[in-house]
Protein backbone atom coordinates (compact mmCIF):
# COMPACT_ATOMS: atom_id res chain seq x y z
CA MET A 1 20.11 38.24 5.77
CA ASN A 2 16.93 38.38 3.71
CA THR A 3 14.26 38.29 6.43
CA ASP A 4 11.37 38.40 3.95
CA GLU A 5 12.63 35.29 2.17
CA LEU A 6 13.22 33.46 5.46
CA LYS A 7 9.74 34.47 6.65
CA GLN A 8 8.22 32.93 3.52
CA GLN A 9 10.16 29.71 4.15
CA LEU A 10 8.93 29.66 7.75
CA LEU A 11 5.31 30.25 6.71
CA ALA A 12 5.49 27.45 4.12
CA GLU A 13 6.98 25.02 6.65
CA LYS A 14 4.40 26.06 9.27
CA GLU A 15 1.59 25.24 6.85
CA LEU A 16 3.15 21.86 6.04
CA LEU A 17 3.59 21.05 9.72
CA GLU A 18 -0.03 21.97 10.46
CA LYS A 19 -1.12 19.44 7.81
CA GLU A 20 1.21 16.76 9.17
CA LEU A 21 0.14 17.40 12.76
CA ALA A 22 -3.52 17.08 11.77
CA THR A 23 -2.86 13.48 10.74
CA VAL A 24 -1.58 12.43 14.19
CA ALA A 25 -2.82 15.02 16.69
CA VAL A 26 -5.42 17.57 17.62
CA PRO A 27 -4.80 20.99 19.16
CA ASP A 28 -4.68 20.84 22.96
CA THR A 29 -7.15 23.43 24.21
CA HIS A 30 -5.37 23.53 27.58
CA ALA A 31 -1.90 24.40 26.26
CA GLN A 32 -1.17 27.23 23.86
CA GLY A 33 0.71 25.80 20.90
CA GLY A 34 0.26 22.29 22.26
CA PHE A 35 -1.12 19.19 20.62
CA THR A 36 -2.49 15.88 21.85
CA ALA A 37 -1.92 12.67 19.92
CA LYS A 38 -5.07 11.17 18.50
CA GLU A 39 -5.95 7.53 18.25
CA ASP A 40 -6.16 5.93 14.85
CA ASP A 41 -9.70 5.18 13.75
CA PHE A 42 -10.36 1.55 14.63
CA SER A 43 -13.69 0.08 13.62
CA ASN A 44 -14.25 -1.69 16.94
CA GLU A 45 -15.12 -0.08 20.23
CA PRO A 46 -12.32 -0.47 22.84
CA ALA A 47 -14.52 -2.69 25.03
CA SER A 48 -14.95 -5.20 22.19
CA LEU A 49 -11.32 -5.35 21.14
CA ASP A 50 -9.45 -8.53 21.76
CA PRO A 51 -6.03 -8.18 23.45
CA VAL A 52 -4.17 -8.17 20.11
CA GLU A 53 -6.38 -5.40 18.70
CA LEU A 54 -6.09 -3.42 21.94
CA GLY A 55 -2.31 -3.75 21.79
CA THR A 56 -2.32 -2.53 18.20
CA GLU A 57 -4.45 0.46 19.17
CA LEU A 58 -2.15 1.37 22.07
CA GLU A 59 0.91 0.97 19.86
CA SER A 60 -0.68 3.27 17.29
CA LEU A 61 -1.41 5.91 19.92
CA ALA A 62 2.19 5.73 21.20
CA ARG A 63 3.49 6.12 17.62
CA ASN A 64 1.23 9.12 17.01
CA GLU A 65 2.34 10.68 20.29
CA SER A 66 6.00 10.33 19.36
CA ILE A 67 5.44 11.84 15.92
CA SER A 68 3.25 14.59 17.37
CA ASN A 69 5.85 15.54 19.97
CA THR A 70 8.59 15.88 17.35
CA LEU A 71 6.41 17.92 15.00
CA GLU A 72 5.12 20.08 17.86
CA VAL A 73 8.65 21.15 18.86
CA ARG A 74 9.46 22.17 15.29
CA TYR A 75 6.09 23.90 14.90
CA ASN A 76 6.57 25.95 18.07
CA ASN A 77 10.11 26.93 17.01
CA ILE A 78 8.71 28.21 13.71
CA VAL A 79 5.91 30.13 15.42
CA SER A 80 8.47 31.67 17.76
CA ALA A 81 10.68 32.70 14.84
CA LEU A 82 7.70 34.32 13.10
CA VAL A 83 6.84 36.23 16.28
CA ASN A 84 10.48 37.38 16.48
CA ILE A 85 10.36 38.59 12.89
CA GLU A 86 7.29 40.69 13.69
CA SER A 87 8.83 42.08 16.88
CA GLY A 88 12.18 42.88 15.26
CA THR A 89 14.18 40.44 17.40
CA TYR A 90 14.63 37.75 14.74
CA GLY A 91 18.16 36.46 14.27
CA THR A 92 19.31 37.11 17.84
CA CYS A 93 20.69 34.24 19.92
CA ASN A 94 18.47 33.41 22.91
CA THR A 95 21.56 32.61 25.00
CA CYS A 96 24.15 35.31 24.31
CA LYS A 97 21.93 37.92 22.57
CA GLN A 98 24.43 38.16 19.68
CA PRO A 99 23.38 37.88 16.03
CA ILE A 100 22.83 34.36 14.72
CA GLU A 101 25.10 33.61 11.76
CA SER A 102 23.32 34.06 8.43
CA ASP A 103 24.45 30.65 7.15
CA ARG A 104 22.85 29.07 10.23
CA LEU A 105 19.58 30.90 9.56
CA ASP A 106 19.75 29.93 5.88
CA ALA A 107 20.06 26.28 6.93
CA ASN A 108 17.44 26.55 9.68
CA PRO A 109 15.31 29.70 9.58
CA ALA A 110 13.77 28.73 12.95
CA ALA A 111 17.15 28.63 14.72
CA ASN A 112 17.06 30.52 18.01
CA THR A 113 20.73 30.24 18.96
CA CYS A 114 24.06 30.99 17.31
CA LYS A 115 26.43 28.18 16.32
CA GLU A 116 28.29 28.42 19.63
CA HIS A 117 25.11 27.81 21.65
CA MET A 118 23.26 25.38 19.40
CA GLY A 119 22.50 22.15 21.15
């Protein structure tokens, strides 16, 4: 297992995810590693929106929240993998504490479980 190469892949994906997250969310100051979906920029103030515009705005917020939640999970898995690399525990299954198969880490450098325990 080439940890340096996997670390570079993780860092590149982390940077990409940060850019993607910035389009739909802002960091949540109350939760470490958390994000809060942001509303799309509508030109009207909420009080002046007609029901159709308000519905569109709410739909947009729900879409951003869904995207943000998916990206946030991946982002936090990558951050965790990078922390594990620094602490020397990278590549160990969180469930059984056995080494994670190298082909699994090649496919998903942020994997935190072996094939037997992946879910």
